[in-house]
N, C-alpha and C. Protein backbone atom coordinates (compact mmCIF):
# COMPACT_ATOMS: atom_id res chain seq x y z
N MET A 1 -26.44 -29.28 41.10
CA MET A 1 -26.33 -28.24 40.06
C MET A 1 -27.53 -28.31 39.23
N SER A 2 -27.85 -27.07 38.92
CA SER A 2 -29.12 -26.57 38.39
C SER A 2 -29.30 -27.18 36.89
N LYS A 3 -30.42 -27.51 36.58
CA LYS A 3 -30.97 -27.77 35.27
C LYS A 3 -30.98 -26.61 34.29
N ALA A 4 -30.77 -25.33 34.79
CA ALA A 4 -30.82 -24.07 34.14
C ALA A 4 -29.37 -23.65 33.51
N LEU A 5 -28.57 -24.62 33.67
CA LEU A 5 -27.30 -24.18 33.11
C LEU A 5 -27.17 -24.38 31.54
N GLN A 6 -26.31 -23.37 31.08
CA GLN A 6 -26.35 -23.35 29.55
C GLN A 6 -24.85 -23.33 29.18
N PHE A 7 -24.50 -23.90 28.06
CA PHE A 7 -23.08 -23.88 27.72
C PHE A 7 -22.86 -23.19 26.37
N VAL A 8 -21.70 -22.50 26.19
CA VAL A 8 -21.34 -21.97 24.98
C VAL A 8 -20.24 -22.77 24.44
N THR A 9 -20.37 -23.14 23.15
CA THR A 9 -19.63 -23.92 22.64
C THR A 9 -18.79 -23.31 21.43
N ASP A 10 -17.84 -23.88 20.91
CA ASP A 10 -17.02 -23.33 19.82
C ASP A 10 -17.43 -24.14 18.52
N VAL A 11 -17.03 -23.83 17.53
CA VAL A 11 -17.46 -24.46 16.06
C VAL A 11 -17.29 -25.91 16.14
N ASP A 12 -16.34 -26.46 17.02
CA ASP A 12 -16.21 -27.86 17.15
C ASP A 12 -17.27 -28.54 18.07
N GLY A 13 -18.09 -27.88 18.62
CA GLY A 13 -18.88 -28.50 19.82
C GLY A 13 -18.27 -28.59 21.24
N ASN A 14 -17.00 -28.08 21.27
CA ASN A 14 -16.32 -28.11 22.59
C ASN A 14 -16.88 -27.01 23.53
N LYS A 15 -17.17 -27.29 24.90
CA LYS A 15 -17.63 -26.36 25.55
C LYS A 15 -16.63 -25.37 26.09
N THR A 16 -16.91 -24.12 26.02
CA THR A 16 -15.78 -23.16 26.21
C THR A 16 -16.23 -22.08 27.22
N ALA A 17 -17.43 -22.17 27.73
CA ALA A 17 -18.09 -21.35 28.81
C ALA A 17 -19.26 -21.83 29.32
N VAL A 18 -19.77 -21.43 30.48
CA VAL A 18 -21.02 -21.90 31.15
C VAL A 18 -21.85 -20.57 31.45
N ILE A 19 -23.21 -20.66 31.45
CA ILE A 19 -23.98 -19.68 31.87
C ILE A 19 -24.92 -20.30 32.83
N LEU A 20 -24.87 -19.67 34.15
CA LEU A 20 -25.78 -20.08 35.17
C LEU A 20 -26.51 -18.97 35.81
N PRO A 21 -27.70 -19.35 36.50
CA PRO A 21 -28.58 -18.38 37.21
C PRO A 21 -27.59 -17.40 38.21
N ILE A 22 -27.89 -16.27 38.37
CA ILE A 22 -27.12 -15.40 39.11
C ILE A 22 -27.20 -15.93 40.61
N GLU A 23 -28.22 -16.55 41.17
CA GLU A 23 -28.32 -17.04 42.35
C GLU A 23 -27.26 -18.09 42.62
N GLU A 24 -27.01 -19.07 41.65
CA GLU A 24 -26.14 -19.94 41.73
C GLU A 24 -24.77 -19.44 41.65
N TYR A 25 -24.67 -18.35 40.91
CA TYR A 25 -23.11 -17.67 40.79
C TYR A 25 -22.94 -17.07 42.08
N GLU A 26 -23.85 -16.36 42.79
CA GLU A 26 -23.59 -15.70 43.95
C GLU A 26 -23.09 -16.82 45.00
N GLU A 27 -23.84 -17.83 45.14
CA GLU A 27 -23.58 -18.90 46.02
C GLU A 27 -22.16 -19.44 45.86
N LEU A 28 -21.87 -19.60 44.45
CA LEU A 28 -20.53 -20.23 44.21
C LEU A 28 -19.42 -19.22 44.69
N MET A 29 -19.63 -17.88 44.54
CA MET A 29 -18.73 -16.84 44.88
C MET A 29 -18.64 -16.83 46.35
N GLU A 30 -19.61 -17.08 47.13
CA GLU A 30 -19.62 -16.97 48.50
C GLU A 30 -18.91 -18.16 48.99
N ASP A 31 -19.20 -19.50 48.51
CA ASP A 31 -18.45 -20.60 48.86
C ASP A 31 -16.87 -20.48 48.55
N LEU A 32 -16.59 -19.91 47.55
CA LEU A 32 -15.07 -19.68 47.04
C LEU A 32 -14.37 -18.69 48.12
N HIS A 33 -15.26 -17.55 48.53
CA HIS A 33 -14.68 -16.68 49.67
C HIS A 33 -14.36 -17.32 50.91
N LEU A 34 -15.44 -18.03 51.18
CA LEU A 34 -15.34 -18.75 52.65
C LEU A 34 -14.19 -19.94 52.58
N ALA A 35 -13.82 -20.51 51.38
CA ALA A 35 -12.89 -21.40 51.30
C ALA A 35 -11.43 -20.60 51.44
N ARG A 36 -11.43 -19.41 50.69
CA ARG A 36 -10.32 -18.70 50.84
C ARG A 36 -9.82 -18.08 52.20
N VAL A 37 -10.93 -17.67 52.77
CA VAL A 37 -10.74 -17.32 54.30
C VAL A 37 -10.13 -18.48 55.14
N TRP A 38 -10.92 -19.62 54.86
CA TRP A 38 -10.46 -20.81 55.94
C TRP A 38 -8.89 -21.05 55.48
N ARG A 39 -8.51 -20.98 54.18
CA ARG A 39 -7.25 -21.34 53.83
C ARG A 39 -6.12 -20.37 54.37
N GLU A 40 -6.55 -19.01 54.37
CA GLU A 40 -5.63 -18.09 54.89
C GLU A 40 -5.42 -18.02 56.30
N SER A 41 -6.64 -18.65 57.05
CA SER A 41 -6.62 -18.41 58.53
C SER A 41 -6.31 -19.95 59.05
N LYS A 42 -6.07 -20.88 58.41
CA LYS A 42 -5.85 -22.19 59.19
C LYS A 42 -4.77 -22.36 59.97
N ASP A 43 -3.59 -21.60 59.69
CA ASP A 43 -2.43 -21.67 60.47
C ASP A 43 -2.55 -20.62 61.69
N GLU A 44 -3.44 -19.98 61.70
CA GLU A 44 -3.57 -18.81 62.91
C GLU A 44 -3.93 -19.44 64.16
N GLU A 45 -3.38 -18.84 65.35
CA GLU A 45 -3.50 -19.31 66.58
C GLU A 45 -4.93 -19.37 66.77
N ARG A 46 -5.38 -20.36 67.55
CA ARG A 46 -6.89 -20.49 67.99
C ARG A 46 -7.02 -20.05 69.41
N ILE A 47 -8.15 -19.53 69.67
CA ILE A 47 -8.42 -19.14 71.13
C ILE A 47 -9.69 -19.89 71.46
N PRO A 48 -9.61 -20.53 72.66
CA PRO A 48 -10.71 -21.30 72.90
C PRO A 48 -12.10 -20.44 73.30
N PHE A 49 -12.99 -21.07 72.95
CA PHE A 49 -14.38 -20.45 73.01
C PHE A 49 -14.70 -19.80 74.39
N SER A 50 -14.29 -20.63 75.40
CA SER A 50 -14.45 -20.16 76.79
C SER A 50 -13.64 -18.92 77.09
N GLU A 51 -12.57 -18.88 76.51
CA GLU A 51 -11.76 -17.57 76.75
C GLU A 51 -12.41 -16.49 76.07
N VAL A 52 -12.95 -16.52 74.72
CA VAL A 52 -13.76 -15.40 74.02
C VAL A 52 -14.77 -15.01 74.85
N ILE A 53 -15.63 -15.97 75.27
CA ILE A 53 -16.81 -15.51 76.03
C ILE A 53 -16.28 -14.82 77.37
N GLU A 54 -15.36 -15.24 78.14
CA GLU A 54 -14.87 -14.52 79.31
C GLU A 54 -14.38 -13.20 78.93
N GLU A 55 -13.61 -13.00 77.88
CA GLU A 55 -13.23 -11.58 77.55
C GLU A 55 -14.52 -10.69 77.13
N LEU A 56 -15.42 -11.26 76.41
CA LEU A 56 -16.47 -10.49 76.19
C LEU A 56 -17.43 -9.97 77.29
N ARG A 57 -17.40 -10.94 78.14
CA ARG A 57 -18.15 -10.68 79.49
C ARG A 57 -17.34 -9.58 80.29
N SER A 58 -16.05 -9.77 80.48
CA SER A 58 -15.27 -8.85 81.08
C SER A 58 -15.19 -7.37 80.61
N THR A 59 -15.42 -7.25 79.38
CA THR A 59 -15.45 -5.85 78.62
C THR A 59 -16.88 -5.44 78.46
N GLY A 60 -17.94 -6.19 79.01
CA GLY A 60 -19.33 -5.81 79.05
C GLY A 60 -19.81 -5.74 77.62
N ARG A 61 -19.18 -6.59 76.66
CA ARG A 61 -19.86 -6.53 75.25
C ARG A 61 -20.98 -7.65 75.30
N ILE A 62 -20.99 -8.61 76.17
CA ILE A 62 -22.18 -9.41 76.45
C ILE A 62 -22.44 -9.48 77.75
N ASP A 63 -23.71 -9.96 78.16
CA ASP A 63 -24.09 -10.07 79.48
C ASP A 63 -24.66 -11.40 79.78
N VAL A 64 -24.23 -12.50 79.11
CA VAL A 64 -24.96 -13.85 79.28
C VAL A 64 -24.03 -14.63 80.23
C-alpha cells in the first residue's frame, strides 16, 4: 500500500474515508473487476486449450 494514502476523520478521530492516488484506485478497480469476472465464470464449462487452438486453426483465425 502506498505511503500517499490520506484519511478523512470525524470529530472523534475515527477514520471515515480514504484518499488514494488515482493510479492505485484504478488498479484496485481492475482487481475488483477481474475478481468479479472470475466469480461469475467459475462454474462455466471449460474448453481444453488444445480444442480452442484447433478451432482457431480450422476457421483460419490463426495459422500457428
